[in-house]
Amino acid sequence: MDAILDTRIDAALNAFLSLYLAKQMMTGVTDRVRRLQDLYLSSVETVARMELYGFGFDREKYDELVAYLKKDIEKILKEIYQMAGGEWNLDSSKETSRVMLSSG
C-alpha cells in the first residue's frame, strides 16, 4: 500500500512541479497561445489530483453497462448473420469480403 501511495505522491508532485515551471515559462507569449496553455495546464492539474486521490468507480454500474452492451452486440450480430444468410468469422477480412461480395 505504501508503494502505491508513494507512486501517487510522486506522480502528483511531478505534475504540480511541471505546472509551476510551465507557468514561469509563459512570460511573453501571445494571448492565443496563453489560452491554449491555460487549458492544457488546467487539465494537468486535474489529472494530478486524480493520480493523488484516485477517482470513484461504480463496479456495479460498470457490470450493468457491460451486460447491456453484450446483449446489444449479440442482437446486432444475429441481424447481420440473418441478412448474410449464415455465420462467418467477422474477424477475418477475407471471409467478410467474401460474404459482402456474394450477397450483392
Foldseek 3Di string as FASTA:
>chain_A
DVVLLVVLVVLLVVLVVVLVVVVVVPPPDDPVVVVVVVVVNVVSNVVSVCSNPNDDDDVVVVVVVVVVVVVVVVVVQVVVQVLLVHDDPPVDPVVVVVSVVVSD
